[in-house]
N, C-alpha and C. Protein backbone atom coordinates (compact mmCIF):
# COMPACT_ATOMS: atom_id res chain seq x y z
N UNK A 1 -75.63 23.10 -13.51
CA UNK A 1 -76.79 24.35 -13.88
C UNK A 1 -77.30 24.11 -14.99
N UNK A 2 -78.68 24.23 -16.25
CA UNK A 2 -78.61 24.55 -16.96
C UNK A 2 -80.05 25.76 -17.09
N UNK A 3 -79.94 26.33 -18.19
CA UNK A 3 -80.87 27.32 -17.90
C UNK A 3 -81.59 26.68 -17.73
N UNK A 4 -83.24 27.71 -18.38
CA UNK A 4 -84.60 27.53 -18.22
C UNK A 4 -85.25 28.88 -19.03
N UNK A 5 -85.06 28.23 -20.54
CA UNK A 5 -85.63 29.44 -21.39
C UNK A 5 -87.29 29.18 -21.59
N UNK A 6 -88.00 30.62 -20.85
CA UNK A 6 -89.59 30.29 -20.96
C UNK A 6 -90.26 31.85 -21.87
N UNK A 7 -90.95 31.18 -22.92
CA UNK A 7 -91.57 31.96 -23.29
C UNK A 7 -92.54 33.10 -22.68
N UNK A 8 -92.02 34.62 -23.14
CA UNK A 8 -92.33 35.53 -22.55
C UNK A 8 -93.99 36.02 -23.14
N UNK A 9 -94.03 35.73 -23.93
CA UNK A 9 -96.06 35.79 -24.10
C UNK A 9 -96.02 36.32 -25.74
N UNK A 10 -97.41 36.88 -25.68
CA UNK A 10 -97.10 37.91 -26.95
C UNK A 10 -97.49 38.87 -26.22
N UNK A 11 -96.96 39.80 -27.62
CA UNK A 11 -97.44 40.69 -26.84
C UNK A 11 -98.52 41.60 -26.03
N UNK A 12 -99.05 42.72 -26.12
CA UNK A 12 -100.75 42.99 -25.76
C UNK A 12 -100.58 44.80 -26.09
N UNK A 13 -99.62 45.33 -25.87
CA UNK A 13 -99.62 46.47 -25.98
C UNK A 13 -98.28 47.31 -25.35
N UNK A 14 -98.46 48.11 -24.94
CA UNK A 14 -96.94 49.28 -24.25
C UNK A 14 -97.78 49.75 -22.85
N UNK A 15 -95.74 49.57 -21.97
CA UNK A 15 -96.05 50.23 -20.87
C UNK A 15 -96.36 51.55 -20.77
N UNK A 16 -97.28 51.91 -20.11
CA UNK A 16 -97.35 53.16 -19.74
C UNK A 16 -97.26 53.40 -18.56
N UNK A 17 -97.29 54.44 -18.38
CA UNK A 17 -96.76 55.13 -17.13
C UNK A 17 -97.25 54.34 -15.91
N UNK A 18 -98.26 55.09 -15.75
CA UNK A 18 -99.23 53.81 -14.59
C UNK A 18 -98.82 52.19 -14.44
N UNK A 19 -98.09 51.76 -15.48
CA UNK A 19 -97.65 50.25 -15.73
C UNK A 19 -97.14 49.61 -15.67
N UNK A 20 -96.65 50.61 -15.78
CA UNK A 20 -94.47 50.04 -16.37
C UNK A 20 -94.00 49.87 -14.47
N UNK A 21 -93.47 48.64 -14.96
CA UNK A 21 -92.53 48.38 -13.13
C UNK A 21 -91.54 49.29 -12.37
N UNK A 22 -91.16 50.03 -14.09
CA UNK A 22 -89.85 50.61 -13.97
C UNK A 22 -89.92 51.69 -14.96
N UNK A 23 -89.31 52.83 -15.04
CA UNK A 23 -89.15 53.92 -16.02
C UNK A 23 -89.12 54.14 -16.76
N UNK A 24 -87.96 52.97 -16.81
CA UNK A 24 -87.18 51.92 -18.50
C UNK A 24 -87.87 52.21 -18.97
N UNK A 25 -89.00 51.35 -19.03
CA UNK A 25 -89.97 50.65 -20.27
C UNK A 25 -91.33 51.61 -20.32
N UNK A 26 -91.53 52.74 -20.57
CA UNK A 26 -92.36 53.30 -20.19
C UNK A 26 -91.87 53.09 -22.62
N UNK A 27 -93.50 53.00 -22.77
CA UNK A 27 -93.35 52.95 -24.53
C UNK A 27 -92.15 51.68 -24.53
N UNK A 28 -92.34 50.96 -23.99
CA UNK A 28 -91.97 49.64 -24.83
C UNK A 28 -92.80 48.77 -24.31
N UNK A 29 -93.17 47.26 -25.49
CA UNK A 29 -93.87 46.67 -25.15
C UNK A 29 -94.33 45.14 -23.77
N UNK A 30 -95.03 45.66 -24.06
CA UNK A 30 -96.17 44.83 -22.31
C UNK A 30 -96.59 43.52 -22.55
N UNK A 31 -96.05 42.66 -22.17
CA UNK A 31 -95.87 40.57 -22.64
C UNK A 31 -97.06 40.81 -21.92
N UNK A 32 -97.26 39.25 -22.71
CA UNK A 32 -99.00 38.73 -21.70
C UNK A 32 -97.67 37.52 -21.17
N UNK A 33 -97.18 37.86 -21.49
CA UNK A 33 -96.55 35.72 -19.33
C UNK A 33 -96.64 35.02 -19.27
N UNK A 34 -97.47 34.09 -21.10
CA UNK A 34 -96.87 32.76 -21.28
C UNK A 34 -95.75 31.71 -20.24
N UNK A 35 -95.21 31.20 -20.32
CA UNK A 35 -94.33 31.23 -19.04
C UNK A 35 -93.89 29.38 -19.61
N UNK A 36 -93.96 29.91 -21.03
CA UNK A 36 -93.55 28.15 -20.82
C UNK A 36 -92.43 27.62 -21.36
N UNK A 37 -91.96 27.17 -21.05
CA UNK A 37 -90.92 25.69 -21.40
C UNK A 37 -90.40 26.63 -22.44
N UNK A 38 -89.20 26.26 -23.45
CA UNK A 38 -88.21 26.33 -24.65
C UNK A 38 -87.56 25.71 -25.07
N UNK A 39 -86.95 25.52 -24.03
CA UNK A 39 -85.90 24.15 -24.00
C UNK A 39 -85.81 23.66 -25.55
N UNK A 40 -86.87 22.23 -24.87
CA UNK A 40 -86.87 21.61 -26.09
C UNK A 40 -86.62 22.09 -27.69
N UNK A 41 -87.44 22.79 -27.93
CA UNK A 41 -87.31 23.60 -29.28
C UNK A 41 -85.74 24.84 -29.32
N UNK A 42 -85.52 24.67 -28.56
CA UNK A 42 -84.34 25.80 -28.72
C UNK A 42 -83.77 24.74 -28.89
N UNK A 43 -83.06 23.92 -28.23
CA UNK A 43 -82.74 22.69 -28.65
C UNK A 43 -81.62 22.22 -29.48
N UNK A 44 -83.40 22.34 -30.31
CA UNK A 44 -83.59 21.64 -31.87
C UNK A 44 -82.42 22.86 -32.97
N UNK A 45 -82.64 24.33 -32.96
CA UNK A 45 -82.03 25.38 -33.67
C UNK A 45 -80.30 24.65 -33.82
N UNK A 46 -80.47 25.20 -35.27
CA UNK A 46 -78.44 24.24 -35.02
C UNK A 46 -77.94 26.15 -35.09
N UNK A 47 -76.73 25.41 -34.17
CA UNK A 47 -75.55 26.28 -33.67
C UNK A 47 -74.56 26.72 -34.86
N UNK A 48 -75.36 27.57 -36.13
CA UNK A 48 -74.58 28.70 -37.64
C UNK A 48 -74.44 29.57 -37.62
N UNK A 49 -75.03 30.48 -36.19
CA UNK A 49 -75.01 31.73 -36.56
C UNK A 49 -75.97 33.04 -36.76
N UNK A 50 -76.85 31.73 -37.83
CA UNK A 50 -77.39 32.73 -37.81
C UNK A 50 -79.77 32.54 -37.40
N UNK A 51 -79.68 33.29 -37.78
CA UNK A 51 -81.46 34.15 -36.96
C UNK A 51 -82.02 32.59 -37.55
N UNK A 52 -83.51 32.25 -36.44
CA UNK A 52 -83.94 30.93 -36.39
C UNK A 52 -85.47 32.02 -36.06
N UNK A 53 -86.33 31.01 -36.08
CA UNK A 53 -87.81 31.27 -34.85
C UNK A 53 -88.13 30.17 -34.44
N UNK A 54 -88.85 30.46 -32.81
CA UNK A 54 -89.27 29.16 -32.30
C UNK A 54 -90.71 29.90 -32.48
N UNK A 55 -91.95 29.01 -32.37
CA UNK A 55 -92.86 29.45 -32.00
C UNK A 55 -93.24 28.54 -30.85
N UNK A 56 -94.14 29.09 -29.95
CA UNK A 56 -94.77 28.79 -28.17
C UNK A 56 -95.36 28.00 -28.85
N UNK A 57 -95.14 26.75 -28.08
CA UNK A 57 -96.51 25.93 -28.98
C UNK A 57 -97.91 25.58 -27.86
N UNK A 58 -98.36 26.43 -27.30
CA UNK A 58 -99.33 27.63 -26.01
C UNK A 58 -99.63 28.70 -26.98
N UNK A 59 -99.21 29.26 -26.69
CA UNK A 59 -100.05 30.77 -26.88
C UNK A 59 -99.14 31.41 -28.65
N UNK A 60 -98.72 30.95 -29.28
CA UNK A 60 -97.94 30.69 -30.60
C UNK A 60 -97.63 32.09 -30.71
N UNK A 61 -96.55 32.77 -29.41
CA UNK A 61 -96.01 33.70 -29.99
C UNK A 61 -94.22 33.68 -30.47
N UNK A 62 -94.05 33.62 -31.28
CA UNK A 62 -92.26 34.13 -32.25
C UNK A 62 -91.30 34.34 -31.63
N UNK A 63 -90.73 33.36 -31.00
CA UNK A 63 -88.94 34.07 -30.45
C UNK A 63 -88.36 34.13 -31.57
N UNK A 64 -87.10 34.97 -31.69
CA UNK A 64 -86.30 34.51 -32.01
C UNK A 64 -84.83 34.20 -32.13
N UNK A 65 -84.43 33.29 -32.24
CA UNK A 65 -82.92 32.62 -31.36
C UNK A 65 -81.76 32.30 -32.58
N UNK A 66 -80.79 32.54 -31.83
CA UNK A 66 -79.48 32.77 -32.97
C UNK A 66 -78.25 32.53 -31.52
N UNK A 67 -77.82 30.84 -32.95
CA UNK A 67 -76.31 30.04 -31.47
C UNK A 67 -75.69 30.16 -32.58
N UNK A 68 -74.63 30.66 -31.77
CA UNK A 68 -73.30 30.34 -32.25
C UNK A 68 -72.83 29.24 -32.20
N UNK A 69 -71.66 29.07 -33.18
CA UNK A 69 -71.12 27.36 -33.08
C UNK A 69 -69.74 27.52 -32.29
N UNK A 70 -69.63 26.25 -31.34
CA UNK A 70 -68.92 26.77 -30.26
C UNK A 70 -67.40 27.15 -30.36
N UNK A 71 -66.48 27.28 -30.20
CA UNK A 71 -65.42 26.78 -30.83
C UNK A 71 -64.55 26.02 -29.95
N UNK A 72 -63.65 25.12 -30.97
CA UNK A 72 -62.57 23.74 -31.14
C UNK A 72 -61.90 23.76 -30.55
N UNK A 73 -61.26 22.94 -29.71
CA UNK A 73 -60.40 23.89 -28.81
C UNK A 73 -58.82 22.63 -29.50
N UNK A 74 -57.86 23.20 -30.07
CA UNK A 74 -56.81 22.42 -31.29
C UNK A 74 -56.24 20.97 -30.64
N UNK A 75 -56.70 20.26 -31.00
CA UNK A 75 -56.30 18.62 -30.26
C UNK A 75 -54.58 18.27 -30.67
């Protein structure tokens, strides 16, 4: 089973006390919820331990991705 990475969408404001589904979200960024699947774009990011940006083809929101190199087993 592989994971599916969905775009969270652009930031459209912050959670108010009335809109927050959980109290700990009050004051945190609220997103529009695009939902586009980003797996193919994330697969293109090199596993070099550096930050990379991936732009959603649907809503143009930018996500930061960091993939670390996989440890190789000794032969």
